[in-house]
Amino acid sequence: MNAEETPARRGVFVDLSPLRESRAFARLWLGGAITGIGGQMTIVAVGLQVYDLTASTFAVSLVGVVALVPMILFGLYGGMLADAFDRRTVALTAAIVTWVSTAVIAVLAWTGSEAVWPLYLLTTINAVSTTVVGTTRQAILPRLLPARLLPSAAALSGISIGIMVTVGPALAGVLVASVGFRWTYTIDVILFVAAFLGIASLPKILPEDGVSRLPGLRSLADGWTFLRTAPNIRMTFIVDIIAMTFGNPRVLYPAVGTLLLGGGAITVGVLTAAGAVGALLSSLVSGPLGRIDRQGLAIERAIVVYGLAIAAFGGILAWVTLSDGAPRPAAGANIPAIVLASIALAVAGAADNVSAIFRMTMLQAAVPDAVRGRLQGLFTVVVTGGPRVGDLYIGLAASALALWIPPLAGGLLVAVLVWALVRGQGAFRRYDARTPTP
C-alpha cells in the first residue's frame, strides 16, 4: 500500500494505526497524555493562586511573560541538542528538571508560603524544561513512524492535548475549590511518573550523522539559514504567532470567573477546558483530514475560524458586561453566559487543533532530519511563546480597558491579518502534501 492509497481508505474517525504499528510511539503518547493532565492542573492552579494572592489579572499574565525569554532561548537550544545528541537522553534529562520544579511548587504550598516570586521562578524553570521535552518529543516522532502516518500521529497528539486541557483544568478547578493548592500540585507530581515511563522505554535515537560536540551559535545559524529558504514552514510560524498573540484570552479566566460570569475556580476550569473539548472532538473525527492535500489553505481557513470564535467569546463578555447590572459573585453564576462562552471557546479549540495538525505535519514531512530538531525548537517556541506574548497584550488591555475588549478586537484582527497574509503568498495556499516542499 502506498501513501496515496492510505488517505482514501480512512474513515471519519481518527486513524489509530500509529499506536498499533509502533509500541514506542504508543508508550510515548500515553505517558505524555497522563503527564499533561497534571501539568495543566498546575498551570491553572498557579494562575488561581497568583490571583488569590494579588487580585490582579496583570500579575497572572506575568506568570507566562516572565518565562518568555528563557523559554525561547532554551527552546532553541533544546532543538540544537536534539540534532546533536541522543534524543531520548535529552528528553529524559529535561523531564527530570520539570518534575523537580513541580515538586518544589508543591513543597512551597505545603509550607504555606504566600510569596509570589517563587511561583514566577519555578514556573519559568518548568516552562523551559517542558519546552525542551516537547521539542525533542516531536523531533523523535518521524524516527518512530513512517511518513504516511505522520498526519494520524498529529491527530492523536491533538487527542492527547484535548484530554490534557479538558481533564487537567477541570480537575484543577474542582481540587483547588475542595482540597486546596497543596494536593493539586502533589497530584501533578505523582502523575508525572508516566512521563519517565514513556521516555525511558524509547530506544536510543542518535543523529543520523552521529553524535556531535555541544552545539553552538553555528548550529543555530544553520537552522535559521534553512528557515530563510523555507517559505512554507516560515508562514506556518507567522500565522500561529498572530493567532496566539492576539487571540488567546486565557489570562482573563480568573477575573471572568470571579467578577463577570461568577462561579470562581470552577468557571475558570470550565472555560479552560472548553477549548480542549473542541480540540478533542475535532481530533476524534479527524479521519477526513488525511485526505486533504492543500494543507496551507486548510491552515488559513482554520485560523480565520479560530479568530472569529475568539471574537464571539469577547462579544459574549461584552453582552454580559453591558446587560447584567448585578456584580458577581453576589448574583451567582451566569449559567447561560458560561455555556455560550464555552461553546465559542470549543469552536476556537477545534479550529486551532485542525491548524496544528497540518502545521505539525508540514514541519515533519517537509524538513530534513538533520535540521528537524532545530526547526522543531522554533516551532515549539512559537507555539508556547506566542501565547505568553498574548498574555501580556491581554493583561495590559484588560487592565486599561475592559475584560471583553481584548478578545473581541484581537479575534477580529487575527481573522483579517491571516486572511490577508496568506493571500499575499500564493505558494503557501497551493502547498500540496503529495509533494512536500519547505
Protein backbone atom coordinates (compact mmCIF):
# COMPACT_ATOMS: atom_id res chain seq x y z
CA MET A 1 0.00 0.00 0.00
CA ASN A 2 1.44 3.39 -0.92
CA ALA A 3 0.95 6.77 0.70
CA GLU A 4 -1.57 7.89 -1.88
CA GLU A 5 -3.86 4.92 -1.23
CA THR A 6 -3.89 5.27 2.53
CA PRO A 7 -5.89 8.53 2.86
CA ALA A 8 -8.63 7.28 0.57
CA ARG A 9 -9.32 4.36 2.89
CA ARG A 10 -9.53 6.41 6.08
CA GLY A 11 -12.91 6.72 7.72
CA VAL A 12 -14.44 9.55 9.69
CA PHE A 13 -12.77 8.73 12.99
CA VAL A 14 -9.14 9.17 13.93
CA ASP A 15 -6.66 6.69 12.47
CA LEU A 16 -5.14 4.56 15.25
CA SER A 17 -2.50 2.95 13.04
CA PRO A 18 0.44 4.79 14.71
CA LEU A 19 -0.48 3.22 18.06
CA ARG A 20 -0.69 -0.25 16.51
CA GLU A 21 2.42 -0.07 14.35
CA SER A 22 4.83 1.47 16.87
CA ARG A 23 4.79 0.40 20.52
CA ALA A 24 7.40 3.05 21.29
CA PHE A 25 5.10 5.75 19.92
CA ALA A 26 2.15 4.28 21.86
CA ARG A 27 4.06 4.40 25.17
CA LEU A 28 5.32 7.91 24.48
CA TRP A 29 1.83 9.09 23.55
CA LEU A 30 0.15 7.56 26.60
CA GLY A 31 2.82 8.81 29.01
CA GLY A 32 2.61 12.30 27.58
CA ALA A 33 -1.18 12.39 27.88
CA ILE A 34 -1.16 11.32 31.54
CA THR A 35 1.65 13.71 32.42
CA GLY A 36 -0.04 16.55 30.57
CA ILE A 37 -3.15 16.25 32.72
CA GLY A 38 -1.07 17.02 35.80
CA GLY A 39 0.82 19.77 34.02
CA GLN A 40 -2.39 21.54 33.05
CA MET A 41 -3.64 21.20 36.60
CA THR A 42 -0.56 23.04 37.84
CA ILE A 43 -0.81 25.76 35.17
CA VAL A 44 -4.39 26.56 36.18
CA ALA A 45 -3.65 26.24 39.89
CA VAL A 46 -0.69 28.62 39.71
CA GLY A 47 -2.84 31.20 37.90
CA LEU A 48 -5.53 30.85 40.55
CA GLN A 49 -3.00 31.07 43.39
CA VAL A 50 -1.36 34.18 41.96
CA TYR A 51 -4.77 35.81 41.51
CA ASP A 52 -5.72 34.74 45.03
CA LEU A 53 -2.57 36.38 46.40
CA THR A 54 -2.65 39.56 44.28
CA ALA A 55 -6.22 40.02 42.93
CA SER A 56 -4.52 41.19 39.71
CA THR A 57 -5.07 39.90 36.17
CA PHE A 58 -1.82 41.58 35.18
CA ALA A 59 0.02 39.58 37.86
CA VAL A 60 -1.48 36.40 36.41
CA SER A 61 -0.30 37.40 32.93
CA LEU A 62 3.24 37.81 34.27
CA VAL A 63 3.39 34.08 35.07
CA GLY A 64 3.75 33.46 31.35
CA VAL A 65 5.55 36.66 30.42
CA VAL A 66 8.42 36.15 32.88
CA ALA A 67 9.09 32.73 31.34
CA LEU A 68 9.05 34.01 27.76
CA VAL A 69 12.70 34.90 27.13
CA PRO A 70 14.22 31.88 28.95
CA MET A 71 11.72 29.61 27.20
CA ILE A 72 12.68 30.99 23.78
CA LEU A 73 16.40 30.60 24.48
CA PHE A 74 16.14 27.07 25.84
CA GLY A 75 13.58 26.05 23.23
CA LEU A 76 16.09 26.94 20.53
CA TYR A 77 18.95 25.32 22.41
CA GLY A 78 16.86 22.22 23.07
CA GLY A 79 16.32 21.87 19.33
CA MET A 80 20.08 22.07 18.77
CA LEU A 81 20.65 19.41 21.43
CA ALA A 82 18.08 17.16 19.74
CA ASP A 83 20.04 17.43 16.47
CA ALA A 84 23.39 16.76 18.17
CA PHE A 85 22.77 14.05 20.81
CA ASP A 86 20.61 11.05 21.63
CA ARG A 87 17.09 12.49 21.61
CA ARG A 88 15.94 10.03 24.28
CA THR A 89 18.61 11.29 26.72
CA VAL A 90 17.80 14.95 26.01
CA ALA A 91 14.08 14.40 26.63
CA LEU A 92 14.66 12.37 29.79
CA THR A 93 17.01 14.95 31.31
CA ALA A 94 14.58 17.79 30.64
CA ALA A 95 11.70 15.75 32.09
CA ILE A 96 13.62 15.32 35.34
CA VAL A 97 14.01 19.12 35.62
CA THR A 98 10.28 19.57 35.01
CA TRP A 99 9.42 17.05 37.72
CA VAL A 100 11.74 18.65 40.29
CA SER A 101 10.37 22.16 39.67
CA THR A 102 6.81 20.91 40.11
CA ALA A 103 7.78 19.11 43.32
CA VAL A 104 9.24 22.34 44.76
CA ILE A 105 6.00 24.22 43.96
CA ALA A 106 4.13 21.52 45.89
CA VAL A 107 6.54 21.81 48.84
CA LEU A 108 6.04 25.59 48.98
CA ALA A 109 2.29 25.10 49.03
CA TRP A 110 2.55 22.62 51.90
CA THR A 111 4.71 25.05 53.89
CA GLY A 112 2.10 27.81 53.48
CA SER A 113 4.30 30.20 51.51
CA GLU A 114 2.47 33.32 50.30
CA ALA A 115 5.33 34.78 48.26
CA VAL A 116 4.60 35.26 44.58
CA TRP A 117 8.14 35.47 43.21
CA PRO A 118 8.96 31.76 43.80
CA LEU A 119 5.95 30.84 41.68
CA TYR A 120 7.28 33.02 38.85
CA LEU A 121 10.74 31.47 39.15
CA LEU A 122 9.60 27.85 39.35
CA THR A 123 7.02 28.14 36.57
CA THR A 124 9.75 29.67 34.41
CA ILE A 125 12.02 26.67 35.05
CA ASN A 126 9.07 24.38 34.44
CA ALA A 127 8.18 26.09 31.17
CA VAL A 128 11.78 25.97 29.95
CA SER A 129 12.22 22.25 30.61
CA THR A 130 8.75 21.42 29.27
CA THR A 131 9.63 23.24 26.06
CA VAL A 132 12.78 21.15 25.65
CA VAL A 133 10.80 17.95 26.27
CA GLY A 134 8.15 18.94 23.73
CA THR A 135 10.72 19.96 21.14
CA THR A 136 12.60 16.69 21.44
CA ARG A 137 9.48 14.51 21.51
CA GLN A 138 8.20 15.97 18.25
CA ALA A 139 11.61 15.56 16.61
CA ILE A 140 11.54 11.91 17.70
CA LEU A 141 8.22 11.03 16.05
CA PRO A 142 9.40 10.86 12.41
CA ARG A 143 12.04 8.36 13.57
CA LEU A 144 9.37 6.12 15.11
CA LEU A 145 6.76 6.27 12.34
CA PRO A 146 6.67 6.16 8.52
CA ALA A 147 5.82 9.41 6.75
CA ARG A 148 2.35 8.18 5.74
CA LEU A 149 1.32 8.02 9.42
CA LEU A 150 2.51 11.49 10.45
CA PRO A 151 -0.89 13.19 9.91
CA SER A 152 -2.54 10.47 12.01
CA ALA A 153 0.12 10.91 14.70
CA ALA A 154 -0.56 14.66 14.70
CA ALA A 155 -4.28 13.98 15.14
CA LEU A 156 -3.52 11.62 18.02
CA SER A 157 -1.40 14.39 19.55
CA GLY A 158 -4.48 16.58 19.29
CA ILE A 159 -6.45 13.96 21.22
CA SER A 160 -3.82 13.81 23.96
CA ILE A 161 -3.71 17.60 24.17
CA GLY A 162 -7.50 17.67 24.28
CA ILE A 163 -7.50 15.16 27.14
CA MET A 164 -4.82 17.16 28.96
CA VAL A 165 -6.53 20.50 28.70
CA THR A 166 -10.02 19.11 29.27
CA VAL A 167 -9.38 16.92 32.29
CA GLY A 168 -6.49 18.93 33.79
CA PRO A 169 -8.15 22.34 34.17
CA ALA A 170 -11.46 20.79 35.22
CA LEU A 171 -9.69 18.78 37.91
CA ALA A 172 -7.72 21.85 38.95
CA GLY A 173 -10.88 23.90 39.43
CA VAL A 174 -12.55 21.17 41.48
CA LEU A 175 -9.44 20.30 43.50
CA VAL A 176 -8.50 23.91 44.31
CA ALA A 177 -12.07 24.59 45.40
CA SER A 178 -12.29 21.41 47.51
CA VAL A 179 -8.85 20.38 48.84
CA GLY A 180 -6.71 23.42 48.04
CA PHE A 181 -3.49 24.12 46.19
CA ARG A 182 -1.30 21.66 48.12
CA TRP A 183 -2.99 18.48 46.97
CA THR A 184 -3.49 19.83 43.45
CA TYR A 185 0.27 20.27 42.99
CA THR A 186 1.03 16.97 44.74
CA ILE A 187 -1.18 15.01 42.35
CA ASP A 188 0.74 16.53 39.43
CA VAL A 189 4.00 15.32 40.98
CA ILE A 190 2.59 11.78 41.14
CA LEU A 191 1.16 11.79 37.61
CA PHE A 192 4.48 12.92 36.17
CA VAL A 193 5.93 9.45 36.73
CA ALA A 194 4.15 8.44 33.50
CA ALA A 195 6.48 10.74 31.54
CA PHE A 196 9.52 8.83 32.71
CA LEU A 197 7.95 5.52 31.71
CA GLY A 198 7.14 6.78 28.20
CA ILE A 199 10.54 8.36 27.53
CA ALA A 200 12.79 5.85 29.31
CA SER A 201 11.32 2.96 27.29
CA LEU A 202 12.34 4.54 23.97
CA PRO A 203 15.29 3.15 22.03
CA LYS A 204 18.34 5.35 21.53
CA ILE A 205 17.62 7.91 18.82
CA LEU A 206 21.00 9.20 17.67
CA PRO A 207 21.53 11.84 14.97
CA GLU A 208 21.76 10.30 11.50
CA ASP A 209 25.28 11.75 11.17
CA GLY A 210 26.32 10.54 14.63
CA VAL A 211 26.67 12.32 17.99
CA SER A 212 28.47 15.65 17.73
CA ARG A 213 30.01 18.02 20.22
CA LEU A 214 27.98 20.51 22.25
CA PRO A 215 26.26 22.75 19.69
CA GLY A 216 26.99 26.46 19.49
CA LEU A 217 25.91 29.51 17.56
CA ARG A 218 26.94 27.95 14.23
CA SER A 219 24.37 25.21 14.73
CA LEU A 220 21.66 27.79 15.45
CA ALA A 221 22.71 29.86 12.44
CA ASP A 222 22.39 26.80 10.20
CA GLY A 223 18.82 26.32 11.39
CA TRP A 224 17.94 29.96 10.68
CA THR A 225 19.59 29.71 7.26
CA PHE A 226 17.38 26.77 6.42
CA LEU A 227 14.26 28.61 7.63
CA ARG A 228 15.05 31.56 5.33
CA THR A 229 14.89 29.16 2.40
CA ALA A 230 11.66 27.52 3.60
CA PRO A 231 8.79 29.96 2.94
CA ASN A 232 6.02 27.45 3.63
CA ILE A 233 7.38 26.44 7.02
CA ARG A 234 8.07 30.09 7.83
CA MET A 235 4.47 31.02 7.08
CA THR A 236 3.17 28.35 9.47
CA PHE A 237 5.16 30.07 12.21
CA ILE A 238 3.92 33.54 11.30
CA VAL A 239 0.22 32.74 11.23
CA ASP A 240 0.42 30.88 14.53
CA ILE A 241 2.22 33.79 16.21
CA ILE A 242 -0.57 36.09 15.06
CA ALA A 243 -3.29 33.76 16.33
CA MET A 244 -1.70 33.15 19.72
CA THR A 245 -0.60 36.75 20.31
CA PHE A 246 -3.95 38.42 19.66
CA GLY A 247 -6.42 35.58 20.16
CA ASN A 248 -5.59 33.72 23.38
CA PRO A 249 -7.67 35.09 26.29
CA ARG A 250 -6.65 32.52 28.93
CA VAL A 251 -5.30 35.05 31.46
CA LEU A 252 -8.77 36.61 31.62
CA TYR A 253 -10.39 33.47 33.01
CA PRO A 254 -9.69 34.06 36.74
CA ALA A 255 -11.14 37.58 36.56
CA VAL A 256 -14.01 36.47 34.30
CA GLY A 257 -14.92 33.68 36.71
CA THR A 258 -14.66 35.92 39.76
CA LEU A 259 -16.01 39.28 38.59
CA LEU A 260 -18.08 38.77 35.43
CA LEU A 261 -19.61 35.31 34.98
CA GLY A 262 -19.40 34.06 38.56
CA GLY A 263 -18.57 30.54 39.65
CA GLY A 264 -14.97 31.25 40.64
CA ALA A 265 -12.45 28.43 40.23
CA ILE A 266 -14.99 26.03 38.71
CA THR A 267 -15.85 28.51 35.95
CA VAL A 268 -12.14 29.00 35.28
CA GLY A 269 -11.76 25.24 34.87
CA VAL A 270 -14.80 25.04 32.58
CA LEU A 271 -13.62 27.87 30.32
CA THR A 272 -10.10 26.49 30.12
CA ALA A 273 -11.39 23.01 29.36
CA ALA A 274 -13.85 24.20 26.70
CA GLY A 275 -11.16 24.83 24.09
CA ALA A 276 -9.67 21.42 24.78
CA VAL A 277 -13.08 19.78 24.34
CA GLY A 278 -13.27 21.29 20.87
CA ALA A 279 -9.74 20.12 20.10
CA LEU A 280 -10.52 16.63 21.35
CA LEU A 281 -13.72 16.31 19.33
CA SER A 282 -12.05 17.57 16.16
CA SER A 283 -9.27 15.02 16.61
CA LEU A 284 -11.73 12.18 17.18
CA VAL A 285 -13.33 12.88 13.79
CA SER A 286 -10.05 13.73 12.05
CA GLY A 287 -10.15 10.87 9.54
CA PRO A 288 -11.15 13.10 6.59
CA LEU A 289 -8.22 15.44 7.32
CA GLY A 290 -5.89 12.74 5.97
CA ARG A 291 -7.45 13.23 2.53
CA ILE A 292 -6.67 16.97 2.39
CA ASP A 293 -3.60 17.76 0.31
CA ARG A 294 -3.96 21.58 0.22
CA GLN A 295 -2.70 21.90 3.76
CA GLY A 296 -1.68 25.56 3.57
CA LEU A 297 -5.19 26.54 2.51
CA ALA A 298 -6.61 24.42 5.32
CA ILE A 299 -4.40 26.21 7.86
CA GLU A 300 -5.58 29.61 6.65
CA ARG A 301 -9.27 28.69 6.90
CA ALA A 302 -8.86 27.08 10.30
CA ILE A 303 -7.14 30.13 11.80
CA VAL A 304 -9.75 32.51 10.36
CA VAL A 305 -12.46 30.43 12.06
CA TYR A 306 -10.39 30.48 15.25
CA GLY A 307 -10.19 34.29 15.22
CA LEU A 308 -13.92 34.68 14.66
CA ALA A 309 -14.69 32.26 17.51
CA ILE A 310 -12.47 34.24 19.92
CA ALA A 311 -14.20 37.43 18.79
CA ALA A 312 -17.53 35.75 19.60
CA PHE A 313 -16.23 34.96 23.10
CA GLY A 314 -15.37 38.65 23.54
CA GLY A 315 -18.83 39.59 22.28
CA ILE A 316 -20.44 37.35 24.91
CA LEU A 317 -18.39 39.02 27.65
CA ALA A 318 -19.42 42.43 26.28
CA TRP A 319 -23.08 41.40 26.34
CA VAL A 320 -22.82 40.31 29.98
CA THR A 321 -20.94 43.47 30.96
CA LEU A 322 -23.49 45.78 29.36
CA SER A 323 -26.67 43.90 30.31
CA ASP A 324 -26.01 42.37 33.74
CA GLY A 325 -26.18 45.02 36.42
CA ALA A 326 -25.65 42.64 39.36
CA PRO A 327 -22.00 42.21 40.35
CA ARG A 328 -20.56 38.74 40.60
CA PRO A 329 -20.30 36.58 42.61
CA ALA A 330 -23.14 38.15 44.63
CA ALA A 331 -25.61 37.41 41.82
CA GLY A 332 -24.39 33.81 41.41
CA ALA A 333 -23.02 32.11 38.31
CA ASN A 334 -24.44 33.30 34.98
CA ILE A 335 -25.05 29.82 33.55
CA PRO A 336 -26.36 30.85 30.09
CA ALA A 337 -23.36 33.12 29.51
CA ILE A 338 -20.94 30.44 30.73
CA VAL A 339 -22.48 27.94 28.29
CA LEU A 340 -22.29 30.36 25.35
CA ALA A 341 -18.72 31.35 26.20
CA SER A 342 -17.75 27.69 26.45
CA ILE A 343 -19.26 26.93 23.03
CA ALA A 344 -17.30 29.79 21.44
CA LEU A 345 -14.08 28.57 23.06
CA ALA A 346 -14.80 24.99 21.97
CA VAL A 347 -15.13 26.13 18.34
CA ALA A 348 -11.87 28.04 18.73
CA GLY A 349 -10.18 24.95 20.16
CA ALA A 350 -11.38 22.76 17.29
CA ALA A 351 -10.16 25.23 14.67
CA ASP A 352 -6.80 25.67 16.39
CA ASN A 353 -6.35 21.90 16.55
CA VAL A 354 -7.02 21.49 12.82
CA SER A 355 -4.43 24.18 12.14
CA ALA A 356 -1.95 22.47 14.49
CA ILE A 357 -2.40 19.08 12.81
CA PHE A 358 -1.49 20.47 9.41
CA ARG A 359 1.30 22.72 10.69
CA MET A 360 2.90 19.83 12.53
CA THR A 361 2.54 17.52 9.52
CA MET A 362 4.12 20.08 7.19
CA LEU A 363 7.07 20.53 9.54
CA GLN A 364 7.71 16.81 9.97
CA ALA A 365 7.21 15.90 6.31
CA ALA A 366 9.00 18.79 4.59
CA VAL A 367 12.01 19.37 6.90
CA PRO A 368 15.03 17.01 6.65
CA ASP A 369 16.02 15.09 9.80
CA ALA A 370 19.39 16.85 10.05
CA VAL A 371 17.72 20.15 11.00
CA ARG A 372 14.39 18.83 12.28
CA GLY A 373 15.29 19.35 15.94
CA ARG A 374 16.22 22.98 15.41
CA LEU A 375 13.11 23.68 13.35
CA GLN A 376 11.02 21.81 15.89
CA GLY A 377 12.63 24.02 18.54
CA LEU A 378 11.49 27.09 16.65
CA PHE A 379 8.04 25.55 16.23
CA THR A 380 7.78 24.82 19.96
CA VAL A 381 8.94 28.34 20.83
CA VAL A 382 6.29 29.78 18.53
CA VAL A 383 3.54 27.54 19.90
CA THR A 384 4.39 28.20 23.55
CA GLY A 385 5.91 31.67 23.24
CA GLY A 386 3.12 33.25 21.22
CA PRO A 387 0.53 32.73 23.97
CA ARG A 388 2.87 34.33 26.51
CA VAL A 389 3.21 37.44 24.38
CA GLY A 390 -0.55 37.28 24.12
CA ASP A 391 -0.78 37.08 27.92
CA LEU A 392 0.96 40.45 28.12
CA TYR A 393 -1.29 42.00 25.46
CA ILE A 394 -4.45 40.64 27.05
CA GLY A 395 -3.37 41.57 30.60
CA LEU A 396 -2.46 45.15 29.73
CA ALA A 397 -5.50 45.73 27.52
CA ALA A 398 -7.93 44.26 30.06
CA SER A 399 -6.41 46.31 32.89
CA ALA A 400 -6.56 49.53 30.88
CA LEU A 401 -9.91 48.99 29.13
CA ALA A 402 -12.38 46.20 29.89
CA LEU A 403 -12.32 42.40 30.05
CA TRP A 404 -14.27 41.95 26.82
CA ILE A 405 -12.27 44.30 24.55
CA PRO A 406 -9.04 42.25 24.06
CA PRO A 407 -10.72 39.02 22.83
CA LEU A 408 -13.25 40.85 20.65
CA ALA A 409 -10.72 43.15 18.96
CA GLY A 410 -7.94 40.55 18.92
CA GLY A 411 -10.06 37.80 17.41
CA LEU A 412 -11.17 40.03 14.54
CA LEU A 413 -7.57 41.14 13.98
CA VAL A 414 -6.42 37.51 13.77
CA ALA A 415 -9.01 36.66 11.11
CA VAL A 416 -8.21 39.70 8.96
CA LEU A 417 -4.40 39.52 9.23
CA VAL A 418 -4.14 35.79 8.45
CA TRP A 419 -6.58 36.06 5.53
CA ALA A 420 -4.55 38.92 4.05
CA LEU A 421 -1.10 37.41 4.64
CA VAL A 422 -1.87 34.00 3.16
CA ARG A 423 -3.43 35.53 0.07
CA GLY A 424 -0.22 37.51 -0.36
CA GLN A 425 1.81 34.27 -0.55
CA GLY A 426 0.19 32.09 -3.18
CA ALA A 427 2.72 29.26 -2.76
CA PHE A 428 1.50 28.58 0.77
CA ARG A 429 -2.12 28.33 -0.36
CA ARG A 430 -1.03 25.93 -3.12
CA TYR A 431 1.08 23.71 -0.84
CA ASP A 432 0.45 20.06 -1.81
CA ALA A 433 1.10 17.32 0.77
CA ARG A 434 1.85 14.85 -2.04
CA THR A 435 4.99 16.82 -2.89
CA PRO A 436 6.01 18.47 0.42
CA THR A 437 8.33 21.44 0.00
CA PRO A 438 9.57 23.56 2.89
